[in-house]
C-alpha atoms as a PDB file:
ATOM      1  CA  MET A   1      12.020-130.133   1.016  1.00  0.00           C
ATOM      2  CA  ALA A   2      13.588-133.085  -0.398  1.00  0.00           C
ATOM      3  CA  TRP A   3      15.676-136.214   0.732  1.00  0.00           C
ATOM      4  CA  LEU A   4      16.153-140.812   2.655  1.00  0.00           C
ATOM      5  CA  PHE A   5      15.200-138.587   5.094  1.00  0.00           C
ATOM      6  CA  SER A   6      15.715-135.090   3.617  1.00  0.00           C
ATOM      7  CA  GLY A   7      14.491-132.702   0.165  1.00  0.00           C
ATOM      8  CA  ARG A   8      12.930-132.991   3.529  1.00  0.00           C
ATOM      9  CA  GLY A   9      14.958-135.291   5.401  1.00  0.00           C
ATOM     10  CA  ILE A  10      14.955-138.152   2.774  1.00  0.00           C
ATOM     11  CA  ARG A  11      17.514-137.869   0.182  1.00  0.00           C
ATOM     12  CA  TYR A  12      19.893-140.596   1.020  1.00  0.00           C
ATOM     13  CA  SER A  13      19.221-144.290   0.639  1.00  0.00           C
ATOM     14  CA  LYS A  14      21.059-147.185  -0.975  1.00  0.00           C
ATOM     15  CA  MET A  15      21.012-145.003  -4.094  1.00  0.00           C
ATOM     16  CA  ALA A  16      22.927-142.229  -2.379  1.00  0.00           C
ATOM     17  CA  MET A  17      26.205-141.259  -3.983  1.00  0.00           C
ATOM     18  CA  SER A  18      29.405-140.257  -2.260  1.00  0.00           C
ATOM     19  CA  MET A  19      31.273-137.219  -3.487  1.00  0.00           C
ATOM     20  CA  LYS A  20      33.730-139.602  -5.167  1.00  0.00           C
ATOM     21  CA  ASP A  21      30.859-141.245  -7.067  1.00  0.00           C
ATOM     22  CA  VAL A  22      29.663-137.822  -8.127  1.00  0.00           C
ATOM     23  CA  GLN A  23      32.996-137.089  -9.769  1.00  0.00           C
ATOM     24  CA  LEU A  24      32.605-140.139 -12.004  1.00  0.00           C
ATOM     25  CA  TYR A  25      29.340-139.146 -13.613  1.00  0.00           C
ATOM     26  CA  CYS A  26      30.062-135.449 -13.865  1.00  0.00           C
ATOM     27  CA  THR A  27      32.860-135.777 -16.407  1.00  0.00           C
ATOM     28  CA  SER A  28      30.586-134.452 -19.161  1.00  0.00           C
ATOM     29  CA  VAL A  29      29.093-131.732 -16.960  1.00  0.00           C
ATOM     30  CA  VAL A  30      30.272-128.124 -17.228  1.00  0.00           C
ATOM     31  CA  SER A  31      30.192-126.128 -13.995  1.00  0.00           C
ATOM     32  CA  GLY A  32      30.107-122.401 -13.476  1.00  0.00           C
ATOM     33  CA  ARG A  33      28.779-119.477 -11.476  1.00  0.00           C
ATOM     34  CA  LYS A  34      26.516-116.607 -12.447  1.00  0.00           C
ATOM     35  CA  HIS A  35      26.045-113.421 -10.441  1.00  0.00           C
ATOM     36  CA  VAL A  36      22.272-113.222 -10.056  1.00  0.00           C
ATOM     37  CA  ASN A  37      20.319-110.963  -7.698  1.00  0.00           C
ATOM     38  CA  SER A  38      23.470-110.090  -5.712  1.00  0.00           C
ATOM     39  CA  VAL A  39      24.488-113.745  -5.206  1.00  0.00           C
ATOM     40  CA  ASP A  40      26.927-115.988  -7.071  1.00  0.00           C
ATOM     41  CA  LEU A  41      24.816-118.993  -8.033  1.00  0.00           C
ATOM     42  CA  PHE A  42      26.568-122.269  -8.820  1.00  0.00           C
ATOM     43  CA  TYR A  43      25.209-124.344 -11.680  1.00  0.00           C
ATOM     44  CA  GLN A  44      26.051-127.425 -13.710  1.00  0.00           C
ATOM     45  CA  GLN A  45      25.121-127.935 -17.350  1.00  0.00           C
ATOM     46  CA  THR A  46      25.141-130.956 -19.632  1.00  0.00           C
ATOM     47  CA  GLY A  47      23.699-131.872 -23.013  1.00  0.00           C
ATOM     48  CA  THR A  48      23.253-129.976 -26.263  1.00  0.00           C
ATOM     49  CA  GLY A  49      19.539-130.341 -26.964  1.00  0.00           C
ATOM     50  CA  GLU A  50      17.233-127.495 -27.931  1.00  0.00           C
ATOM     51  CA  HIS A  51      14.930-128.157 -24.966  1.00  0.00           C
ATOM     52  CA  ALA A  52      16.400-126.586 -21.828  1.00  0.00           C
ATOM     53  CA  VAL A  53      15.483-128.220 -18.510  1.00  0.00           C
ATOM     54  CA  LEU A  54      16.207-126.799 -15.053  1.00  0.00           C
ATOM     55  CA  LEU A  55      16.571-129.188 -12.091  1.00  0.00           C
ATOM     56  CA  LEU A  56      15.419-127.691  -8.778  1.00  0.00           C
ATOM     57  CA  PRO A  57      16.712-129.491  -5.642  1.00  0.00           C
ATOM     58  CA  GLY A  58      15.123-130.039  -2.255  1.00  0.00           C
ATOM     59  CA  ALA A  59      15.878-128.579   1.160  1.00  0.00           C
ATOM     60  CA  LEU A  60      19.607-128.000   1.664  1.00  0.00           C
ATOM     61  CA  GLY A  61      20.057-129.746  -1.677  1.00  0.00           C
ATOM     62  CA  SER A  62      22.259-129.199  -4.687  1.00  0.00           C
ATOM     63  CA  ALA A  63      22.551-130.459  -8.230  1.00  0.00           C
ATOM     64  CA  GLN A  64      25.185-132.987  -7.164  1.00  0.00           C
ATOM     65  CA  THR A  65      23.435-134.382  -4.106  1.00  0.00           C
ATOM     66  CA  ASP A  66      19.936-134.460  -5.579  1.00  0.00           C
ATOM     67  CA  PHE A  67      20.149-135.140  -9.321  1.00  0.00           C
ATOM     68  CA  GLY A  68      23.061-137.438 -10.134  1.00  0.00           C
ATOM     69  CA  PRO A  69      21.058-139.900 -12.288  1.00  0.00           C
ATOM     70  CA  GLN A  70      19.347-137.072 -14.158  1.00  0.00           C
ATOM     71  CA  LEU A  71      22.569-135.208 -14.943  1.00  0.00           C
ATOM     72  CA  LYS A  72      24.040-138.476 -16.095  1.00  0.00           C
ATOM     73  CA  SER A  73      21.221-140.092 -18.061  1.00  0.00           C
ATOM     74  CA  LEU A  74      18.615-137.651 -19.331  1.00  0.00           C
ATOM     75  CA  ASN A  75      18.839-137.518 -23.134  1.00  0.00           C
ATOM     76  CA  LYS A  76      21.733-135.180 -23.896  1.00  0.00           C
ATOM     77  CA  GLU A  77      20.850-134.826 -27.576  1.00  0.00           C
ATOM     78  CA  ARG A  78      17.249-133.844 -26.871  1.00  0.00           C
ATOM     79  CA  PHE A  79      17.829-131.746 -23.750  1.00  0.00           C
ATOM     80  CA  THR A  80      20.229-129.227 -22.276  1.00  0.00           C
ATOM     81  CA  VAL A  81      20.027-129.991 -18.557  1.00  0.00           C
ATOM     82  CA  ILE A  82      20.951-127.391 -15.951  1.00  0.00           C
ATOM     83  CA  GLY A  83      21.217-128.164 -12.259  1.00  0.00           C
ATOM     84  CA  TRP A  84      21.647-125.363  -9.751  1.00  0.00           C
ATOM     85  CA  ASP A  85      22.380-124.803  -6.084  1.00  0.00           C
ATOM     86  CA  PRO A  86      19.899-122.263  -4.647  1.00  0.00           C
ATOM     87  CA  ARG A  87      21.354-119.375  -2.672  1.00  0.00           C
ATOM     88  CA  GLY A  88      22.811-120.505   0.628  1.00  0.00           C
ATOM     89  CA  TYR A  89      22.861-124.168  -0.435  1.00  0.00           C
ATOM     90  CA  GLY A  90      25.669-126.334  -1.718  1.00  0.00           C
ATOM     91  CA  ARG A  91      28.210-124.257  -3.619  1.00  0.00           C
ATOM     92  CA  SER A  92      26.054-121.133  -3.837  1.00  0.00           C
ATOM     93  CA  ARG A  93      27.627-119.872  -0.611  1.00  0.00           C
ATOM     94  CA  PRO A  94      28.149-117.313   0.730  1.00  0.00           C
ATOM     95  CA  PRO A  95      25.644-116.248   1.889  1.00  0.00           C
ATOM     96  CA  ASP A  96      24.533-118.748   4.490  1.00  0.00           C
ATOM     97  CA  ARG A  97      20.949-119.793   3.972  1.00  0.00           C
ATOM     98  CA  ASP A  98      18.093-118.002   5.686  1.00  0.00           C
ATOM     99  CA  PHE A  99      14.359-118.629   5.594  1.00  0.00           C
ATOM    100  CA  PRO A 100      12.235-115.479   5.472  1.00  0.00           C
ATOM    101  CA  LEU A 101       8.556-115.986   4.687  1.00  0.00           C
ATOM    102  CA  ASP A 102       9.230-115.350   1.003  1.00  0.00           C
ATOM    103  CA  PHE A 103      12.144-117.788   0.617  1.00  0.00           C
ATOM    104  CA  PHE A 104      10.329-119.889  -1.988  1.00  0.00           C
ATOM    105  CA  GLU A 105       9.474-116.787  -4.027  1.00  0.00           C
ATOM    106  CA  ARG A 106      13.090-115.672  -3.752  1.00  0.00           C
ATOM    107  CA  ASP A 107      14.299-119.054  -5.008  1.00  0.00           C
ATOM    108  CA  ALA A 108      11.815-118.947  -7.868  1.00  0.00           C
ATOM    109  CA  GLN A 109      13.028-115.523  -8.965  1.00  0.00           C
ATOM    110  CA  ASP A 110      16.659-116.601  -8.684  1.00  0.00           C
ATOM    111  CA  ALA A 111      15.978-119.718 -10.758  1.00  0.00           C
ATOM    112  CA  VAL A 112      14.250-117.831 -13.557  1.00  0.00           C
ATOM    113  CA  ASP A 113      16.860-115.084 -13.594  1.00  0.00           C
ATOM    114  CA  LEU A 114      19.658-117.658 -13.670  1.00  0.00           C
ATOM    115  CA  MET A 115      18.167-119.300 -16.754  1.00  0.00           C
ATOM    116  CA  GLN A 116      17.743-115.950 -18.448  1.00  0.00           C
ATOM    117  CA  SER A 117      21.357-115.063 -17.684  1.00  0.00           C
ATOM    118  CA  LEU A 118      22.402-118.366 -19.276  1.00  0.00           C
ATOM    119  CA  SER A 119      20.479-117.321 -22.418  1.00  0.00           C
ATOM    120  CA  PHE A 120      17.619-119.794 -22.148  1.00  0.00           C
ATOM    121  CA  PRO A 121      14.525-117.719 -23.018  1.00  0.00           C
ATOM    122  CA  ARG A 122      12.166-120.683 -22.447  1.00  0.00           C
ATOM    123  CA  PHE A 123      12.710-123.834 -20.450  1.00  0.00           C
ATOM    124  CA  SER A 124      11.051-126.646 -18.524  1.00  0.00           C
ATOM    125  CA  LEU A 125      11.203-127.287 -14.787  1.00  0.00           C
ATOM    126  CA  LEU A 126      11.904-130.479 -12.843  1.00  0.00           C
ATOM    127  CA  GLY A 127      11.307-129.760  -9.164  1.00  0.00           C
ATOM    128  CA  TRP A 128      11.745-132.128  -6.236  1.00  0.00           C
ATOM    129  CA  SER A 129      10.299-131.444  -2.803  1.00  0.00           C
ATOM    130  CA  ASP A 130      11.190-127.824  -1.910  1.00  0.00           C
ATOM    131  CA  GLY A 131      12.337-127.509  -5.511  1.00  0.00           C
ATOM    132  CA  GLY A 132       8.866-128.593  -6.593  1.00  0.00           C
ATOM    133  CA  ILE A 133       7.339-125.753  -4.602  1.00  0.00           C
ATOM    134  CA  THR A 134       9.824-123.352  -6.164  1.00  0.00           C
ATOM    135  CA  ALA A 135       8.892-124.697  -9.605  1.00  0.00           C
ATOM    136  CA  LEU A 136       5.167-124.172  -8.950  1.00  0.00           C
ATOM    137  CA  ILE A 137       5.767-120.536  -8.036  1.00  0.00           C
ATOM    138  CA  ALA A 138       8.104-119.937 -10.973  1.00  0.00           C
ATOM    139  CA  ALA A 139       5.615-121.419 -13.428  1.00  0.00           C
ATOM    140  CA  ALA A 140       2.717-119.423 -12.001  1.00  0.00           C
ATOM    141  CA  LYS A 141       4.577-116.117 -12.108  1.00  0.00           C
ATOM    142  CA  ASN A 142       6.345-116.622 -15.463  1.00  0.00           C
ATOM    143  CA  PRO A 143       3.905-118.462 -17.732  1.00  0.00           C
ATOM    144  CA  SER A 144       5.492-117.179 -20.935  1.00  0.00           C
ATOM    145  CA  LEU A 145       8.875-118.645 -19.998  1.00  0.00           C
ATOM    146  CA  ILE A 146       7.953-122.186 -18.961  1.00  0.00           C
ATOM    147  CA  ASN A 147       7.425-124.979 -21.496  1.00  0.00           C
ATOM    148  CA  LYS A 148       6.498-127.855 -19.193  1.00  0.00           C
ATOM    149  CA  MET A 149       6.873-128.815 -15.552  1.00  0.00           C
ATOM    150  CA  VAL A 150       7.416-132.002 -13.556  1.00  0.00           C
ATOM    151  CA  VAL A 151       7.028-131.912  -9.773  1.00  0.00           C
ATOM    152  CA  TRP A 152       7.220-134.621  -7.123  1.00  0.00           C
ATOM    153  CA  GLY A 153       7.362-134.566  -3.339  1.00  0.00           C
ATOM    154  CA  ALA A 154       5.894-131.051  -3.344  1.00  0.00           C
ATOM    155  CA  ASN A 155       3.051-129.407  -1.451  1.00  0.00           C
ATOM    156  CA  ALA A 156       1.181-126.133  -1.848  1.00  0.00           C
ATOM    157  CA  TYR A 157       0.314-125.811   1.845  1.00  0.00           C
ATOM    158  CA  VAL A 158       1.420-126.999   5.283  1.00  0.00           C
ATOM    159  CA  SER A 159      -1.094-129.072   7.217  1.00  0.00           C
ATOM    160  CA  PRO A 160      -1.011-130.083  10.906  1.00  0.00           C
ATOM    161  CA  GLU A 161       0.083-133.550   9.731  1.00  0.00           C
ATOM    162  CA  ASP A 162       2.982-131.998   7.831  1.00  0.00           C
ATOM    163  CA  LEU A 163       4.085-130.075  10.922  1.00  0.00           C
ATOM    164  CA  GLN A 164       4.261-133.311  12.878  1.00  0.00           C
ATOM    165  CA  ILE A 165       6.419-134.863  10.167  1.00  0.00           C
ATOM    166  CA  TYR A 166       8.808-131.897  10.077  1.00  0.00           C
ATOM    167  CA  ASN A 167       9.181-131.720  13.849  1.00  0.00           C
ATOM    168  CA  ALA A 168       9.847-135.455  14.016  1.00  0.00           C
ATOM    169  CA  ILE A 169      12.974-135.050  11.868  1.00  0.00           C
ATOM    170  CA  ARG A 170      14.200-131.770  13.361  1.00  0.00           C
ATOM    171  CA  ASP A 171      16.901-133.319  15.561  1.00  0.00           C
ATOM    172  CA  VAL A 172      19.589-134.531  13.180  1.00  0.00           C
ATOM    173  CA  SER A 173      21.415-136.260  16.035  1.00  0.00           C
ATOM    174  CA  GLN A 174      18.639-138.841  15.781  1.00  0.00           C
ATOM    175  CA  TRP A 175      19.411-139.493  12.123  1.00  0.00           C
ATOM    176  CA  SER A 176      21.626-142.383  11.151  1.00  0.00           C
ATOM    177  CA  GLU A 177      25.245-141.564  10.357  1.00  0.00           C
ATOM    178  CA  ARG A 178      24.593-142.639   6.771  1.00  0.00           C
ATOM    179  CA  MET A 179      21.874-140.015   6.467  1.00  0.00           C
ATOM    180  CA  ARG A 180      23.861-137.214   8.084  1.00  0.00           C
ATOM    181  CA  ARG A 181      27.190-137.754   6.358  1.00  0.00           C
ATOM    182  CA  PRO A 182      26.361-136.362   2.868  1.00  0.00           C
ATOM    183  CA  MET A 183      25.062-133.111   4.322  1.00  0.00           C
ATOM    184  CA  GLU A 184      27.932-132.832   6.770  1.00  0.00           C
ATOM    185  CA  GLU A 185      30.340-133.234   3.852  1.00  0.00           C
ATOM    186  CA  VAL A 186      28.727-130.229   2.167  1.00  0.00           C
ATOM    187  CA  TYR A 187      28.099-127.935   5.147  1.00  0.00           C
ATOM    188  CA  GLY A 188      30.147-129.238   8.053  1.00  0.00           C
ATOM    189  CA  ALA A 189      28.371-130.645  11.097  1.00  0.00           C
ATOM    190  CA  GLU A 190      27.653-127.360  12.871  1.00  0.00           C
ATOM    191  CA  LEU A 191      26.320-125.431   9.879  1.00  0.00           C
ATOM    192  CA  PHE A 192      24.256-128.431   8.785  1.00  0.00           C
ATOM    193  CA  VAL A 193      22.459-128.500  12.154  1.00  0.00           C
ATOM    194  CA  LYS A 194      21.882-124.748  12.087  1.00  0.00           C
ATOM    195  CA  THR A 195      20.618-124.724   8.499  1.00  0.00           C
ATOM    196  CA  TRP A 196      18.383-127.754   8.932  1.00  0.00           C
ATOM    197  CA  GLU A 197      16.767-126.325  12.060  1.00  0.00           C
ATOM    198  CA  GLY A 198      16.336-123.062  10.168  1.00  0.00           C
ATOM    199  CA  TRP A 199      14.536-124.958   7.416  1.00  0.00           C
ATOM    200  CA  VAL A 200      12.198-126.694   9.888  1.00  0.00           C
ATOM    201  CA  ASP A 201      11.314-123.315  11.389  1.00  0.00           C
ATOM    202  CA  GLY A 202      11.056-121.746   7.932  1.00  0.00           C
ATOM    203  CA  ILE A 203       8.628-124.293   6.517  1.00  0.00           C
ATOM    204  CA  GLY A 204       6.674-124.327   9.758  1.00  0.00           C
ATOM    205  CA  GLN A 205       5.897-120.618   9.567  1.00  0.00           C
ATOM    206  CA  PHE A 206       3.514-121.252   6.663  1.00  0.00           C
ATOM    207  CA  ALA A 207       1.193-123.059   9.056  1.00  0.00           C
ATOM    208  CA  GLN A 208       0.375-119.646  10.513  1.00  0.00           C
ATOM    209  CA  ARG A 209      -0.958-118.404   7.186  1.00  0.00           C
ATOM    210  CA  PRO A 210      -4.602-118.892   6.149  1.00  0.00           C
ATOM    211  CA  GLU A 211      -5.077-122.583   5.309  1.00  0.00           C
ATOM    212  CA  GLY A 212      -1.344-123.047   5.775  1.00  0.00           C
ATOM    213  CA  SER A 213      -0.816-121.749   2.255  1.00  0.00           C
ATOM    214  CA  ILE A 214       2.617-121.729   0.669  1.00  0.00           C
ATOM    215  CA  CYS A 215       1.380-121.049  -2.852  1.00  0.00           C
ATOM    216  CA  MET A 216      -2.241-122.270  -3.028  1.00  0.00           C
ATOM    217  CA  GLU A 217      -3.448-119.028  -4.581  1.00  0.00           C
ATOM    218  CA  LEU A 218      -0.913-119.292  -7.408  1.00  0.00           C
ATOM    219  CA  LEU A 219      -1.848-122.750  -8.694  1.00  0.00           C
ATOM    220  CA  PRO A 220      -4.700-121.537 -10.947  1.00  0.00           C
ATOM    221  CA  LEU A 221      -2.178-119.274 -12.716  1.00  0.00           C
ATOM    222  CA  ILE A 222      -0.103-122.222 -13.924  1.00  0.00           C
ATOM    223  CA  SER A 223      -0.773-122.801 -17.619  1.00  0.00           C
ATOM    224  CA  CYS A 224       2.041-125.105 -18.733  1.00  0.00           C
ATOM    225  CA  PRO A 225       1.487-128.864 -19.097  1.00  0.00           C
ATOM    226  CA  THR A 226       2.382-130.345 -15.719  1.00  0.00           C
ATOM    227  CA  LEU A 227       3.241-133.886 -14.681  1.00  0.00           C
ATOM    228  CA  ILE A 228       2.811-134.594 -10.966  1.00  0.00           C
ATOM    229  CA  ILE A 229       4.573-137.741  -9.766  1.00  0.00           C
ATOM    230  CA  HIS A 230       3.886-139.248  -6.362  1.00  0.00           C
ATOM    231  CA  GLY A 231       5.508-142.155  -4.576  1.00  0.00           C
ATOM    232  CA  GLN A 232       2.768-143.997  -2.753  1.00  0.00           C
ATOM    233  CA  LYS A 233       5.192-144.923   0.035  1.00  0.00           C
ATOM    234  CA  ASP A 234       6.461-141.363   0.524  1.00  0.00           C
ATOM    235  CA  PRO A 235       6.655-140.832   4.308  1.00  0.00           C
ATOM    236  CA  MET A 236       7.239-137.099   3.915  1.00  0.00           C
ATOM    237  CA  VAL A 237       4.371-136.016   1.654  1.00  0.00           C
ATOM    238  CA  PRO A 238       0.864-137.337   2.388  1.00  0.00           C
ATOM    239  CA  SER A 239      -1.167-138.330  -0.667  1.00  0.00           C
ATOM    240  CA  PHE A 240      -3.618-135.442  -0.284  1.00  0.00           C
ATOM    241  CA  HIS A 241      -0.912-133.051  -1.513  1.00  0.00           C
ATOM    242  CA  PRO A 242      -0.513-134.395  -5.071  1.00  0.00           C
ATOM    243  CA  GLN A 243      -4.290-134.726  -5.288  1.00  0.00           C
ATOM    244  CA  TYR A 244      -4.640-131.049  -4.382  1.00  0.00           C
ATOM    245  CA  LEU A 245      -2.129-130.076  -7.061  1.00  0.00           C
ATOM    246  CA  LEU A 246      -3.961-132.193  -9.630  1.00  0.00           C
ATOM    247  CA  LYS A 247      -7.261-130.522  -8.795  1.00  0.00           C
ATOM    248  CA  HIS A 248      -5.971-126.959  -8.961  1.00  0.00           C
ATOM    249  CA  ILE A 249      -3.442-127.004 -11.830  1.00  0.00           C
ATOM    250  CA  LYS A 250      -5.393-126.908 -15.084  1.00  0.00           C
ATOM    251  CA  ALA A 251      -3.176-128.789 -17.514  1.00  0.00           C
ATOM    252  CA  SER A 252      -1.918-131.390 -15.066  1.00  0.00           C
ATOM    253  CA  ARG A 253      -1.918-135.140 -14.711  1.00  0.00           C
ATOM    254  CA  LEU A 254      -0.830-137.449 -11.913  1.00  0.00           C
ATOM    255  CA  HIS A 255       1.392-140.512 -12.160  1.00  0.00           C
ATOM    256  CA  LEU A 256       1.602-142.793  -9.124  1.00  0.00           C
ATOM    257  CA  MET A 257       4.610-144.986  -8.365  1.00  0.00           C
ATOM    258  CA  PRO A 258       3.427-147.744  -5.991  1.00  0.00           C
ATOM    259  CA  GLU A 259       6.882-148.452  -4.544  1.00  0.00           C
ATOM    260  CA  GLY A 260       8.146-144.889  -4.705  1.00  0.00           C
ATOM    261  CA  LYS A 261       9.234-142.993  -1.622  1.00  0.00           C
ATOM    262  CA  HIS A 262      10.366-139.393  -1.321  1.00  0.00           C
ATOM    263  CA  ASN A 263      13.536-140.006  -3.317  1.00  0.00           C
ATOM    264  CA  LEU A 264      11.822-141.945  -6.114  1.00  0.00           C
ATOM    265  CA  HIS A 265      13.899-140.223  -8.821  1.00  0.00           C
ATOM    266  CA  LEU A 266      17.032-141.699  -7.242  1.00  0.00           C
ATOM    267  CA  ARG A 267      15.715-145.096  -6.239  1.00  0.00           C
ATOM    268  CA  PHE A 268      13.896-145.693  -9.527  1.00  0.00           C
ATOM    269  CA  ALA A 269      16.019-143.467 -11.729  1.00  0.00           C
ATOM    270  CA  ALA A 270      15.538-145.341 -15.017  1.00  0.00           C
ATOM    271  CA  GLU A 271      11.746-145.410 -14.683  1.00  0.00           C
ATOM    272  CA  PHE A 272      11.654-141.781 -13.586  1.00  0.00           C
ATOM    273  CA  ASN A 273      13.917-140.577 -16.381  1.00  0.00           C
ATOM    274  CA  LYS A 274      11.791-142.361 -18.982  1.00  0.00           C
ATOM    275  CA  LEU A 275       8.637-140.753 -17.598  1.00  0.00           C
ATOM    276  CA  VAL A 276      10.282-137.331 -17.816  1.00  0.00           C
ATOM    277  CA  ASP A 277      11.731-137.953 -21.267  1.00  0.00           C
ATOM    278  CA  ASP A 278       8.385-139.108 -22.654  1.00  0.00           C
ATOM    279  CA  PHE A 279       6.474-136.213 -21.064  1.00  0.00           C
ATOM    280  CA  LEU A 280       8.863-133.493 -22.166  1.00  0.00           C
ATOM    281  CA  SER A 281       9.048-134.925 -25.679  1.00  0.00           C
ATOM    282  CA  GLN A 282       5.290-135.027 -26.293  1.00  0.00           C
END
């Protein structure tokens, strides 16, 4: 779930980049596709460091739309950074995206299998919003493969308050043109509406599960050092979510960004990148 208004409706702010801007910072990024679990997954890779890091985007997101400052500025001598487009998102189409009850588990399996196919036996995870949920599941189910994890804008369950937030941003015709345009450039207007409404319905179905669980039962299985970052002005993720993660992930710590919103890694990219660099290098 990730964005000004998306990852969950809040990706795009003054820090948003046009596709033309993206071209400028991707000159040192290698792109490719890998056939994984019957789907051709698009990925981008930069850097030559021994420490592999996978970037996991938010709802309807991609490496380009969600992680420009990280692809550009994370330490390329220390890290090899891989951004990917989950199945049905960005350039990992076809297929069109769908949202069965196990879509986060499916993304987690795809992500791990992609990294294995790229010959990274161990790696760290940076997950934003929906990508943070995917990272939590991947780390819980593959403890021997994950070095460290950073998550922000993520939640392990869907509360009644969350449902209200999601339903409030369902109608993209109510979004500003500036917020809609980046997604319409990727998907076209009609498919964007269809996919976004599918996401709202898909995330909402977890509210029918006991305690609204997405992956609550998996958190105790996470053993890797985990940094949870939370923007204290995030309108999409109430503060009880990072507190829940902190309580239930053993080797975790929480860093609060007082001015951060949902897209804190874009708005405060230099501060965020330094936090990640320091954490992954410890």
